[in-house]
């Protein structure tokens, strides 16, 4: 079995090796006169005013939602504590009603939490969409004004030299010159 596996792996390797030489080894394309820039989107988001404002807006909304959730949780805990204190004095019917009330409150709290999370996700998508649209317009205008043929996302690149990184230049352009159309 091991011999068969070894022959199979060696045979597969030989087929791949022969295919590479028959088809040809890919070579890099060199284009003279092409101006390429690379940007780091996270840096633009973190350092630009529009990115900072978006982050602050999202943080504020998350804090508001968390405060609301904390309030609901605290209320639930108070009701539960009160129920525990009075449990010995309640009749079976009253205990049943109290348990049903507690279950209803917990379901309501879970629904509220889900609604808040959905709302936060929607707001986050809207805000990031607006920011991305703004930054995309800024990078396009920067590229056109500065003669770039191509500006790519640094995350998509396997490698790029520091000389091609235009993130700081785009950031400066956004802060000083860019006017959305």
C-alpha atoms as a PDB file:
ATOM      1  CA  UNK A   1       0.000   0.000   0.000  1.00  0.00           C
ATOM      2  CA  UNK A   2       2.813   2.408   0.911  1.00  0.00           C
ATOM      3  CA  UNK A   3       4.671   1.599  -2.326  1.00  0.00           C
ATOM      4  CA  UNK A   4       1.533   2.297  -4.354  1.00  0.00           C
ATOM      5  CA  UNK A   5       1.031   5.629  -2.569  1.00  0.00           C
ATOM      6  CA  UNK A   6       4.687   6.626  -3.081  1.00  0.00           C
ATOM      7  CA  UNK A   7       4.506   5.727  -6.811  1.00  0.00           C
ATOM      8  CA  UNK A   8       1.227   7.642  -7.118  1.00  0.00           C
ATOM      9  CA  UNK A   9       2.683  10.772  -5.473  1.00  0.00           C
ATOM     10  CA  UNK A  10       5.892  10.566  -7.511  1.00  0.00           C
ATOM     11  CA  UNK A  11       3.901  10.018 -10.679  1.00  0.00           C
ATOM     12  CA  UNK A  12       1.665  13.007  -9.934  1.00  0.00           C
ATOM     13  CA  UNK A  13       4.688  15.186  -9.226  1.00  0.00           C
ATOM     14  CA  UNK A  14       6.309  14.099 -12.499  1.00  0.00           C
ATOM     15  CA  UNK A  15       3.132  14.942 -14.448  1.00  0.00           C
ATOM     16  CA  UNK A  16       2.976  18.414 -12.870  1.00  0.00           C
ATOM     17  CA  UNK A  17       6.665  19.001 -13.530  1.00  0.00           C
ATOM     18  CA  UNK A  18       6.376  17.988 -17.193  1.00  0.00           C
ATOM     19  CA  UNK A  19       3.216  20.109 -17.593  1.00  0.00           C
ATOM     20  CA  UNK A  20       5.005  23.193 -16.289  1.00  0.00           C
ATOM     21  CA  UNK A  21       7.820  22.795 -18.791  1.00  0.00           C
ATOM     22  CA  UNK A  22       5.488  21.997 -21.720  1.00  0.00           C
ATOM     23  CA  UNK A  23       3.051  24.819 -20.975  1.00  0.00           C
ATOM     24  CA  UNK A  24       5.746  27.211 -19.944  1.00  0.00           C
ATOM     25  CA  UNK A  25       6.798  28.897 -16.757  1.00  0.00           C
ATOM     26  CA  UNK A  26       4.879  32.102 -16.119  1.00  0.00           C
ATOM     27  CA  UNK A  27       7.045  35.191 -16.246  1.00  0.00           C
ATOM     28  CA  UNK A  28       6.324  38.559 -14.697  1.00  0.00           C
ATOM     29  CA  UNK A  29       5.092  41.306 -16.987  1.00  0.00           C
ATOM     30  CA  UNK A  30       7.145  44.457 -17.025  1.00  0.00           C
ATOM     31  CA  UNK A  31       5.369  47.577 -18.165  1.00  0.00           C
ATOM     32  CA  UNK A  32       7.461  50.683 -18.491  1.00  0.00           C
ATOM     33  CA  UNK A  33       5.771  53.989 -17.881  1.00  0.00           C
ATOM     34  CA  UNK A  34       2.887  52.507 -15.884  1.00  0.00           C
ATOM     35  CA  UNK A  35       2.353  54.320 -12.615  1.00  0.00           C
ATOM     36  CA  UNK A  36       0.986  52.044  -9.898  1.00  0.00           C
ATOM     37  CA  UNK A  37       0.079  52.952  -6.341  1.00  0.00           C
ATOM     38  CA  UNK A  38      -0.905  50.849  -3.355  1.00  0.00           C
ATOM     39  CA  UNK A  39      -3.156  51.931  -0.501  1.00  0.00           C
ATOM     40  CA  UNK A  40      -3.810  50.409   2.906  1.00  0.00           C
ATOM     41  CA  UNK A  41      -7.567  50.883   3.486  1.00  0.00           C
ATOM     42  CA  UNK A  42      -7.406  50.250   7.251  1.00  0.00           C
ATOM     43  CA  UNK A  43      -4.909  53.081   7.605  1.00  0.00           C
ATOM     44  CA  UNK A  44      -7.186  55.402   5.634  1.00  0.00           C
ATOM     45  CA  UNK A  45     -10.120  54.466   7.862  1.00  0.00           C
ATOM     46  CA  UNK A  46      -8.115  54.869  11.060  1.00  0.00           C
ATOM     47  CA  UNK A  47      -6.379  58.133  10.159  1.00  0.00           C
ATOM     48  CA  UNK A  48      -8.878  60.081   8.043  1.00  0.00           C
ATOM     49  CA  UNK A  49     -11.425  62.436   9.567  1.00  0.00           C
ATOM     50  CA  UNK A  50     -14.259  60.655   7.754  1.00  0.00           C
ATOM     51  CA  UNK A  51     -13.062  57.308   9.135  1.00  0.00           C
ATOM     52  CA  UNK A  52     -12.694  58.685  12.653  1.00  0.00           C
ATOM     53  CA  UNK A  53     -16.180  60.234  12.545  1.00  0.00           C
ATOM     54  CA  UNK A  54     -17.664  56.961  11.295  1.00  0.00           C
ATOM     55  CA  UNK A  55     -15.911  55.011  14.051  1.00  0.00           C
ATOM     56  CA  UNK A  56     -17.130  57.492  16.676  1.00  0.00           C
ATOM     57  CA  UNK A  57     -20.695  57.272  15.342  1.00  0.00           C
ATOM     58  CA  UNK A  58     -20.638  53.479  15.445  1.00  0.00           C
ATOM     59  CA  UNK A  59     -19.063  53.451  18.903  1.00  0.00           C
ATOM     60  CA  UNK A  60     -21.722  55.840  20.203  1.00  0.00           C
ATOM     61  CA  UNK A  61     -24.538  53.698  18.847  1.00  0.00           C
ATOM     62  CA  UNK A  62     -22.985  50.534  20.266  1.00  0.00           C
ATOM     63  CA  UNK A  63     -22.675  52.184  23.676  1.00  0.00           C
ATOM     64  CA  UNK A  64     -26.327  53.306  23.554  1.00  0.00           C
ATOM     65  CA  UNK A  65     -27.440  49.791  22.635  1.00  0.00           C
ATOM     66  CA  UNK A  66     -25.287  48.293  25.383  1.00  0.00           C
ATOM     67  CA  UNK A  67     -26.725  50.724  27.922  1.00  0.00           C
ATOM     68  CA  UNK A  68     -30.246  49.733  26.891  1.00  0.00           C
ATOM     69  CA  UNK A  69     -29.370  46.042  27.153  1.00  0.00           C
ATOM     70  CA  UNK A  70     -27.786  46.596  30.563  1.00  0.00           C
ATOM     71  CA  UNK A  71     -30.925  48.350  31.759  1.00  0.00           C
ATOM     72  CA  UNK A  72     -33.133  45.490  30.570  1.00  0.00           C
ATOM     73  CA  UNK A  73     -30.814  42.928  32.167  1.00  0.00           C
ATOM     74  CA  UNK A  74     -30.808  44.852  35.449  1.00  0.00           C
ATOM     75  CA  UNK A  75     -34.614  45.029  35.429  1.00  0.00           C
ATOM     76  CA  UNK A  76     -34.834  41.288  34.794  1.00  0.00           C
ATOM     77  CA  UNK A  77     -32.438  40.604  37.643  1.00  0.00           C
ATOM     78  CA  UNK A  78     -34.460  42.807  40.028  1.00  0.00           C
ATOM     79  CA  UNK A  79     -37.702  41.054  39.123  1.00  0.00           C
ATOM     80  CA  UNK A  80     -36.038  37.661  39.521  1.00  0.00           C
ATOM     81  CA  UNK A  81     -34.546  38.636  42.898  1.00  0.00           C
ATOM     82  CA  UNK A  82     -37.919  39.924  44.081  1.00  0.00           C
ATOM     83  CA  UNK A  83     -39.565  36.717  42.949  1.00  0.00           C
ATOM     84  CA  UNK A  84     -36.986  34.632  44.818  1.00  0.00           C
ATOM     85  CA  UNK A  85     -37.589  36.635  48.019  1.00  0.00           C
ATOM     86  CA  UNK A  86     -41.352  36.187  47.830  1.00  0.00           C
ATOM     87  CA  UNK A  87     -41.351  32.592  46.532  1.00  0.00           C
ATOM     88  CA  UNK A  88     -42.055  31.046  49.938  1.00  0.00           C
ATOM     89  CA  UNK A  89     -45.086  33.267  50.500  1.00  0.00           C
ATOM     90  CA  UNK A  90     -46.690  32.799  47.068  1.00  0.00           C
ATOM     91  CA  UNK A  91     -49.376  30.281  46.290  1.00  0.00           C
ATOM     92  CA  UNK A  92     -48.834  27.784  43.493  1.00  0.00           C
ATOM     93  CA  UNK A  93     -51.052  29.853  41.197  1.00  0.00           C
ATOM     94  CA  UNK A  94     -49.082  33.040  41.959  1.00  0.00           C
ATOM     95  CA  UNK A  95     -45.795  31.199  41.398  1.00  0.00           C
ATOM     96  CA  UNK A  96     -47.057  29.980  38.048  1.00  0.00           C
ATOM     97  CA  UNK A  97     -48.115  33.511  37.014  1.00  0.00           C
ATOM     98  CA  UNK A  98     -44.781  34.940  38.198  1.00  0.00           C
ATOM     99  CA  UNK A  99     -42.852  32.286  36.250  1.00  0.00           C
ATOM    100  CA  UNK A 100     -44.898  33.029  33.111  1.00  0.00           C
ATOM    101  CA  UNK A 101     -44.269  36.751  33.578  1.00  0.00           C
ATOM    102  CA  UNK A 102     -40.544  36.102  33.972  1.00  0.00           C
ATOM    103  CA  UNK A 103     -40.492  33.940  30.829  1.00  0.00           C
ATOM    104  CA  UNK A 104     -42.306  36.671  28.875  1.00  0.00           C
ATOM    105  CA  UNK A 105     -39.840  39.302  30.099  1.00  0.00           C
ATOM    106  CA  UNK A 106     -36.890  37.110  29.120  1.00  0.00           C
ATOM    107  CA  UNK A 107     -38.345  36.542  25.621  1.00  0.00           C
ATOM    108  CA  UNK A 108     -38.933  40.277  25.266  1.00  0.00           C
ATOM    109  CA  UNK A 109     -35.367  40.961  26.370  1.00  0.00           C
ATOM    110  CA  UNK A 110     -34.011  38.428  23.861  1.00  0.00           C
ATOM    111  CA  UNK A 111     -36.099  40.009  21.052  1.00  0.00           C
ATOM    112  CA  UNK A 112     -34.908  43.462  22.033  1.00  0.00           C
ATOM    113  CA  UNK A 113     -31.303  42.267  21.981  1.00  0.00           C
ATOM    114  CA  UNK A 114     -31.773  40.745  18.519  1.00  0.00           C
ATOM    115  CA  UNK A 115     -33.447  43.925  17.257  1.00  0.00           C
ATOM    116  CA  UNK A 116     -30.614  46.073  18.604  1.00  0.00           C
ATOM    117  CA  UNK A 117     -27.978  43.812  17.050  1.00  0.00           C
ATOM    118  CA  UNK A 118     -29.781  43.887  13.691  1.00  0.00           C
ATOM    119  CA  UNK A 119     -30.078  47.658  13.883  1.00  0.00           C
ATOM    120  CA  UNK A 120     -26.383  48.007  14.717  1.00  0.00           C
ATOM    121  CA  UNK A 121     -25.408  45.766  11.806  1.00  0.00           C
ATOM    122  CA  UNK A 122     -27.580  47.763   9.428  1.00  0.00           C
ATOM    123  CA  UNK A 123     -26.149  51.053  10.675  1.00  0.00           C
ATOM    124  CA  UNK A 124     -22.615  49.673  10.402  1.00  0.00           C
ATOM    125  CA  UNK A 125     -23.237  48.612   6.807  1.00  0.00           C
ATOM    126  CA  UNK A 126     -24.709  52.016   5.938  1.00  0.00           C
ATOM    127  CA  UNK A 127     -21.870  53.948   7.574  1.00  0.00           C
ATOM    128  CA  UNK A 128     -19.157  51.775   6.034  1.00  0.00           C
ATOM    129  CA  UNK A 129     -20.894  52.030   2.661  1.00  0.00           C
ATOM    130  CA  UNK A 130     -20.852  55.833   2.892  1.00  0.00           C
ATOM    131  CA  UNK A 131     -17.209  55.848   3.986  1.00  0.00           C
ATOM    132  CA  UNK A 132     -16.176  53.422   1.241  1.00  0.00           C
ATOM    133  CA  UNK A 133     -17.997  55.506  -1.365  1.00  0.00           C
ATOM    134  CA  UNK A 134     -16.256  58.633  -0.080  1.00  0.00           C
ATOM    135  CA  UNK A 135     -12.811  56.999  -0.011  1.00  0.00           C
ATOM    136  CA  UNK A 136     -13.309  55.398  -3.414  1.00  0.00           C
ATOM    137  CA  UNK A 137     -14.163  58.777  -4.907  1.00  0.00           C
ATOM    138  CA  UNK A 138     -11.168  60.354  -3.201  1.00  0.00           C
ATOM    139  CA  UNK A 139      -8.776  57.654  -4.418  1.00  0.00           C
ATOM    140  CA  UNK A 140     -10.147  57.934  -7.967  1.00  0.00           C
ATOM    141  CA  UNK A 141      -9.724  61.700  -7.961  1.00  0.00           C
ATOM    142  CA  UNK A 142      -6.249  61.365  -6.432  1.00  0.00           C
ATOM    143  CA  UNK A 143      -5.242  58.827  -9.067  1.00  0.00           C
ATOM    144  CA  UNK A 144      -6.521  61.002 -11.911  1.00  0.00           C
ATOM    145  CA  UNK A 145      -4.878  64.193 -10.620  1.00  0.00           C
ATOM    146  CA  UNK A 146      -1.544  62.510  -9.920  1.00  0.00           C
ATOM    147  CA  UNK A 147      -1.300  60.471 -13.121  1.00  0.00           C
ATOM    148  CA  UNK A 148      -1.724  56.966 -11.712  1.00  0.00           C
ATOM    149  CA  UNK A 149      -2.683  54.180 -14.073  1.00  0.00           C
ATOM    150  CA  UNK A 150      -3.642  51.842 -11.250  1.00  0.00           C
ATOM    151  CA  UNK A 151      -4.182  52.049  -7.491  1.00  0.00           C
ATOM    152  CA  UNK A 152      -4.659  48.728  -5.728  1.00  0.00           C
ATOM    153  CA  UNK A 153      -5.610  47.569  -2.261  1.00  0.00           C
ATOM    154  CA  UNK A 154      -2.496  46.540  -0.362  1.00  0.00           C
ATOM    155  CA  UNK A 155      -4.316  43.574   1.142  1.00  0.00           C
ATOM    156  CA  UNK A 156      -4.805  42.084  -2.321  1.00  0.00           C
ATOM    157  CA  UNK A 157      -1.105  42.316  -3.124  1.00  0.00           C
ATOM    158  CA  UNK A 158       1.268  39.517  -2.278  1.00  0.00           C
ATOM    159  CA  UNK A 159       4.117  42.004  -2.260  1.00  0.00           C
ATOM    160  CA  UNK A 160       4.617  45.692  -2.888  1.00  0.00           C
ATOM    161  CA  UNK A 161       7.528  47.991  -2.284  1.00  0.00           C
ATOM    162  CA  UNK A 162       7.277  50.916   0.103  1.00  0.00           C
ATOM    163  CA  UNK A 163       7.792  53.284  -2.845  1.00  0.00           C
ATOM    164  CA  UNK A 164       4.416  52.276  -4.284  1.00  0.00           C
ATOM    165  CA  UNK A 165       2.529  52.889  -1.000  1.00  0.00           C
ATOM    166  CA  UNK A 166       0.504  56.077  -1.512  1.00  0.00           C
ATOM    167  CA  UNK A 167      -1.659  55.742   1.606  1.00  0.00           C
ATOM    168  CA  UNK A 168      -0.210  58.819   3.326  1.00  0.00           C
ATOM    169  CA  UNK A 169      -0.404  60.870   0.129  1.00  0.00           C
ATOM    170  CA  UNK A 170      -4.063  59.881  -0.368  1.00  0.00           C
ATOM    171  CA  UNK A 171      -4.762  60.696   3.267  1.00  0.00           C
ATOM    172  CA  UNK A 172      -3.196  64.135   2.861  1.00  0.00           C
ATOM    173  CA  UNK A 173      -5.163  64.637  -0.373  1.00  0.00           C
ATOM    174  CA  UNK A 174      -8.416  63.697   1.389  1.00  0.00           C
ATOM    175  CA  UNK A 175      -7.783  66.084   4.273  1.00  0.00           C
ATOM    176  CA  UNK A 176      -6.650  69.055   2.174  1.00  0.00           C
ATOM    177  CA  UNK A 177      -7.968  68.892  -1.370  1.00  0.00           C
ATOM    178  CA  UNK A 178     -10.714  66.341  -1.934  1.00  0.00           C
ATOM    179  CA  UNK A 179     -14.181  67.652  -2.589  1.00  0.00           C
ATOM    180  CA  UNK A 180     -16.818  64.973  -3.251  1.00  0.00           C
ATOM    181  CA  UNK A 181     -18.641  65.437  -6.546  1.00  0.00           C
END
